[in-house]
């Protein structure tokens, strides 16, 4: 017997799980489509599950719109990318065979410095590709590059650049669980292959082994597999900045487009008078049944600009109401720019040229922080993810095709050894820093290779140019001496090309003729 029927007890039912709103299913506020929330919700601790495909694409759309329409964000993306890349990082071979080093340097500059032989699309070269990487990483969080061997695309090894939106899960009836976010990985998280989508419907794709793919991105959290822009934390705030600027612009236009009227007393006869300079007057009837009229007079200035002046009926007036708003919007925009600067890791004073650097000490501290961030970008991202991998790939492909078979000494066993030369550090005192570098080289604390490399020059080429210049000058001096034998003693190298004051050559003059002779060495007492 069912006792619940006798006592009419309610049946126990199971409550349905209420799914979270779609707008809450993301850990990044920039990907939400709703307004402000009054509670905090964090979906997952797994970084790979936080950055879903929808999160990446929605965030990228917002930041892409801001890049196109917000000058501050464009400055942060393009300006910081230019600063980080500067003239570009370049490899200098340092193998055990000097002839091989010179041949590789010449071949690398000729091929990788030319977009036709470096980029499969013939757009970027080895140096401009570094700038494109940094811009895409700041804009969308990542960029991909496919290594193409000779014959896969062109007749020489090239790089095929692939934007982040082309790597994803395909729209297919087949099981895609092994390809989350377009990447197939092993149990430890190592990428095995990437899926490149080849049409907008996601129904066609090409799978490429991970060994042939370069994934450009800033440092990930452990477990994170795909990148997202660093501006994801401030994207919605920057939209507020755009709203404020639009409201400010509209208010300024309204305050400048004011109408002015001429008023008169009630006993002036009621007849309007033509204002000085007015070219026409138009009578506008008022409400039906009344005798009041509004006279609009047009005045044309000397520069052909026109202004309409209303001569309103007697006893009436026009009140102009202007906005009493202060400068709160400007200070709030400054706050938003500061927040955006924090997202870049750089001091906001540096990113957006905000005030606050009142002393030389503070300026040097900010400059030191800026240089530290730049160095970390170069050493932790540009060099390991692109410069070194591309150099080793390109060089091995050229060695395999016999490009350096005729080099004296052959290809050395340490063919892969190369030093990546970065641009010189920033400075607020060029003269002092320049003298410091010169002193380091002269004392042997810095190699000429690094010294010239910081200027974007090859040490061998620079030294060859210095030697060639001296040889050319010596030949000119000797030719002048042969043509003028009576002046041969006066036409000397040091007399014509005098060394700059303060240099070692200028600081060591020859001893004077009347100088006291050097003392004779003392005899050995034991002898």
Foldseek 3Di string as FASTA:
>chain_A
DDVCVVVVPDDDDDDDDDDDDPQLQAQFNQLGDDDDDDDDDDPDPQQASRCAPSNLVSNLVLLVVCCVPPPLSVLLLQVLLCVLQPQHKAWQFDDPDPLLRVLLVVVCCVQQVFLVRAALVRPDGQRVVSSVQSNLCQRRNKWKWFWDAQPSRHNHIYIYIDHLVQWAFAPDPDDRPCQGGQFHADPVRDTQWGWGQDDPNRHDTDIDGPVRMFMFGPDDDVNHDGTGHLCSNQSVVVVVLVVLVVVVVVQVVVVVPDAAEDADAPPPPFDDDADPQWDDKDWDDDDPPDDWIKIWTWHADPVRDIHIYIHGTYPDDDDDDHDPDDCPSVVVVVVSLQVSCVSVQAHSCVSPVDDDQPDPVSVVVSLVSSQVVSVCCVVVGVVPRPNLVVSVVNVVSCVVVVVCCPRVPGQDPPNSHIDIAGADRDDPCVVVVVVVLVVCPVVVVDPLQNVVVNVVDGSVVVVVVVVVVVVVLVVVLVVVCVVPVVCNVVSDPCNVDPDDPPDPVNVDDDDDPPDDDDDDDDDDPVD
